[in-house]
Amino acid sequence: MSVFEITDCVNFELSSSTEEKMFWNKVKIPTIIHDELNIQLSTLSLVSKIYIKNMSGYSMTIDAKNVVNNISIDLVTLPSGMYFIVFEINGERFVKKIIKI
């Protein structure tokens, strides 16, 4: 397994792949968050890891192996700013920008 670098997020470009479109059609995640991030995903059981990263190198990894459909992530201690949430499924990464206020 390769190490995930923050530059992977910085250089991320939206893909028009069918898999990515299908993934984002099944996930419900807000763009603006406060102290808690609630994720609704009908195929969350396929997600092996969820990463939350920022441009300064901060990284939080959530083990999603035993999660079914919904997950709630406590972000109270996370400073306000822009972050990337990364879902890893079968070695592929799906990235979305989120903003914590």
C-alpha atoms as a PDB file:
ATOM      1  CA  MET A   1       0.000   0.000   0.000  1.00  0.00           C
ATOM      2  CA  SER A   2       1.407   3.388  -0.924  1.00  0.00           C
ATOM      3  CA  VAL A   3       1.675   6.278   1.493  1.00  0.00           C
ATOM      4  CA  PHE A   4      -0.919   8.988   0.936  1.00  0.00           C
ATOM      5  CA  GLU A   5       0.708  12.385   0.561  1.00  0.00           C
ATOM      6  CA  ILE A   6      -0.995  15.742   0.965  1.00  0.00           C
ATOM      7  CA  THR A   7       0.224  16.564  -2.550  1.00  0.00           C
ATOM      8  CA  ASP A   8      -2.214  13.916  -3.775  1.00  0.00           C
ATOM      9  CA  CYS A   9      -4.972  16.234  -2.568  1.00  0.00           C
ATOM     10  CA  VAL A  10      -3.345  19.395  -3.873  1.00  0.00           C
ATOM     11  CA  ASN A  11      -3.026  17.968  -7.373  1.00  0.00           C
ATOM     12  CA  PHE A  12      -6.424  16.308  -7.300  1.00  0.00           C
ATOM     13  CA  GLU A  13      -8.562  16.925 -10.350  1.00  0.00           C
ATOM     14  CA  LEU A  14     -12.129  15.835 -10.750  1.00  0.00           C
ATOM     15  CA  SER A  15     -12.320  12.742 -12.838  1.00  0.00           C
ATOM     16  CA  SER A  16     -15.179  11.932 -15.125  1.00  0.00           C
ATOM     17  CA  SER A  17     -14.833   8.224 -14.469  1.00  0.00           C
ATOM     18  CA  THR A  18     -18.025   6.250 -14.105  1.00  0.00           C
ATOM     19  CA  GLU A  19     -16.856   4.821 -10.764  1.00  0.00           C
ATOM     20  CA  GLU A  20     -16.302   8.272  -9.298  1.00  0.00           C
ATOM     21  CA  LYS A  21     -19.654   9.579 -10.494  1.00  0.00           C
ATOM     22  CA  MET A  22     -21.370   6.526  -9.006  1.00  0.00           C
ATOM     23  CA  PHE A  23     -19.524   7.009  -5.709  1.00  0.00           C
ATOM     24  CA  TRP A  24     -20.484  10.682  -5.310  1.00  0.00           C
ATOM     25  CA  ASN A  25     -24.101   9.881  -6.241  1.00  0.00           C
ATOM     26  CA  LYS A  26     -24.220   7.536  -3.216  1.00  0.00           C
ATOM     27  CA  VAL A  27     -22.450   9.712  -0.643  1.00  0.00           C
ATOM     28  CA  LYS A  28     -24.015  12.545   1.325  1.00  0.00           C
ATOM     29  CA  ILE A  29     -21.472  14.789   2.985  1.00  0.00           C
ATOM     30  CA  PRO A  30     -21.765  18.504   3.734  1.00  0.00           C
ATOM     31  CA  THR A  31     -19.222  20.977   2.370  1.00  0.00           C
ATOM     32  CA  ILE A  32     -19.426  23.269   5.409  1.00  0.00           C
ATOM     33  CA  ILE A  33     -19.059  21.569   8.804  1.00  0.00           C
ATOM     34  CA  HIS A  34     -18.938  22.642  12.439  1.00  0.00           C
ATOM     35  CA  ASP A  35     -17.937  20.245  15.200  1.00  0.00           C
ATOM     36  CA  GLU A  36     -19.222  16.985  13.793  1.00  0.00           C
ATOM     37  CA  LEU A  37     -19.054  15.463  10.330  1.00  0.00           C
ATOM     38  CA  ASN A  38     -21.903  13.095   9.511  1.00  0.00           C
ATOM     39  CA  ILE A  39     -21.422  10.929   6.447  1.00  0.00           C
ATOM     40  CA  GLN A  40     -24.227   8.953   4.849  1.00  0.00           C
ATOM     41  CA  LEU A  41     -23.057   6.465   2.278  1.00  0.00           C
ATOM     42  CA  SER A  42     -25.040   3.515   1.036  1.00  0.00           C
ATOM     43  CA  THR A  43     -21.831   1.670   0.169  1.00  0.00           C
ATOM     44  CA  LEU A  44     -19.821   2.714   3.237  1.00  0.00           C
ATOM     45  CA  SER A  45     -19.096  -0.937   3.954  1.00  0.00           C
ATOM     46  CA  LEU A  46     -16.834  -0.902   0.888  1.00  0.00           C
ATOM     47  CA  VAL A  47     -14.728   1.963   2.285  1.00  0.00           C
ATOM     48  CA  SER A  48     -11.574   0.699   3.979  1.00  0.00           C
ATOM     49  CA  LYS A  49     -10.254   4.047   5.270  1.00  0.00           C
ATOM     50  CA  ILE A  50     -11.278   7.653   5.528  1.00  0.00           C
ATOM     51  CA  TYR A  51      -8.606  10.347   5.779  1.00  0.00           C
ATOM     52  CA  ILE A  52      -9.049  13.990   6.726  1.00  0.00           C
ATOM     53  CA  LYS A  53      -6.082  16.124   5.666  1.00  0.00           C
ATOM     54  CA  ASN A  54      -5.174  19.782   5.367  1.00  0.00           C
ATOM     55  CA  MET A  55      -2.585  21.720   3.405  1.00  0.00           C
ATOM     56  CA  SER A  56      -0.275  22.007   6.451  1.00  0.00           C
ATOM     57  CA  GLY A  57       0.175  18.255   6.704  1.00  0.00           C
ATOM     58  CA  TYR A  58      -2.361  17.514   9.441  1.00  0.00           C
ATOM     59  CA  SER A  59      -3.786  14.045   8.988  1.00  0.00           C
ATOM     60  CA  MET A  60      -6.541  12.090  10.730  1.00  0.00           C
ATOM     61  CA  THR A  61      -7.304   8.499   9.740  1.00  0.00           C
ATOM     62  CA  ILE A  62     -10.625   6.844  10.460  1.00  0.00           C
ATOM     63  CA  ASP A  63     -10.857   3.073  10.220  1.00  0.00           C
ATOM     64  CA  ALA A  64     -14.142   2.458   8.414  1.00  0.00           C
ATOM     65  CA  LYS A  65     -13.983  -1.325   8.091  1.00  0.00           C
ATOM     66  CA  ASN A  66     -16.814  -2.046  10.525  1.00  0.00           C
ATOM     67  CA  VAL A  67     -19.064   0.867   9.608  1.00  0.00           C
ATOM     68  CA  VAL A  68     -22.378   0.274   7.853  1.00  0.00           C
ATOM     69  CA  ASN A  69     -24.101   3.185   6.043  1.00  0.00           C
ATOM     70  CA  ASN A  70     -23.459   6.093   8.458  1.00  0.00           C
ATOM     71  CA  ILE A  71     -20.501   7.467  10.353  1.00  0.00           C
ATOM     72  CA  SER A  72     -20.159  10.464  12.636  1.00  0.00           C
ATOM     73  CA  ILE A  73     -16.702  11.998  13.129  1.00  0.00           C
ATOM     74  CA  ASP A  74     -16.025  14.346  16.070  1.00  0.00           C
ATOM     75  CA  LEU A  75     -14.079  17.371  14.817  1.00  0.00           C
ATOM     76  CA  VAL A  76     -14.345  19.613  17.893  1.00  0.00           C
ATOM     77  CA  THR A  77     -10.563  19.802  18.341  1.00  0.00           C
ATOM     78  CA  LEU A  78      -9.934  20.450  14.643  1.00  0.00           C
ATOM     79  CA  PRO A  79      -9.088  24.108  13.921  1.00  0.00           C
ATOM     80  CA  SER A  80     -11.214  26.032  11.423  1.00  0.00           C
ATOM     81  CA  GLY A  81      -9.984  25.809   7.848  1.00  0.00           C
ATOM     82  CA  MET A  82     -10.086  23.926   4.581  1.00  0.00           C
ATOM     83  CA  TYR A  83      -9.615  20.162   4.601  1.00  0.00           C
ATOM     84  CA  PHE A  84      -9.827  17.270   2.199  1.00  0.00           C
ATOM     85  CA  ILE A  85     -11.771  14.150   3.069  1.00  0.00           C
ATOM     86  CA  VAL A  86     -10.500  11.084   1.267  1.00  0.00           C
ATOM     87  CA  PHE A  87     -12.364   7.793   0.949  1.00  0.00           C
ATOM     88  CA  GLU A  88     -10.281   4.754   0.031  1.00  0.00           C
ATOM     89  CA  ILE A  89     -12.069   1.905  -1.723  1.00  0.00           C
ATOM     90  CA  ASN A  90     -10.149  -1.006  -3.249  1.00  0.00           C
ATOM     91  CA  GLY A  91      -7.011   1.103  -3.607  1.00  0.00           C
ATOM     92  CA  GLU A  92      -8.843   4.002  -5.289  1.00  0.00           C
ATOM     93  CA  ARG A  93      -9.226   7.380  -3.589  1.00  0.00           C
ATOM     94  CA  PHE A  94     -12.215   9.685  -3.808  1.00  0.00           C
ATOM     95  CA  VAL A  95     -11.559  13.226  -2.539  1.00  0.00           C
ATOM     96  CA  LYS A  96     -13.861  16.061  -1.479  1.00  0.00           C
ATOM     97  CA  LYS A  97     -12.999  19.476  -0.104  1.00  0.00           C
ATOM     98  CA  ILE A  98     -14.688  20.410   3.184  1.00  0.00           C
ATOM     99  CA  ILE A  99     -14.531  23.596   5.240  1.00  0.00           C
ATOM    100  CA  LYS A 100     -14.680  23.609   9.034  1.00  0.00           C
ATOM    101  CA  ILE A 101     -15.966  26.813  10.559  1.00  0.00           C
END
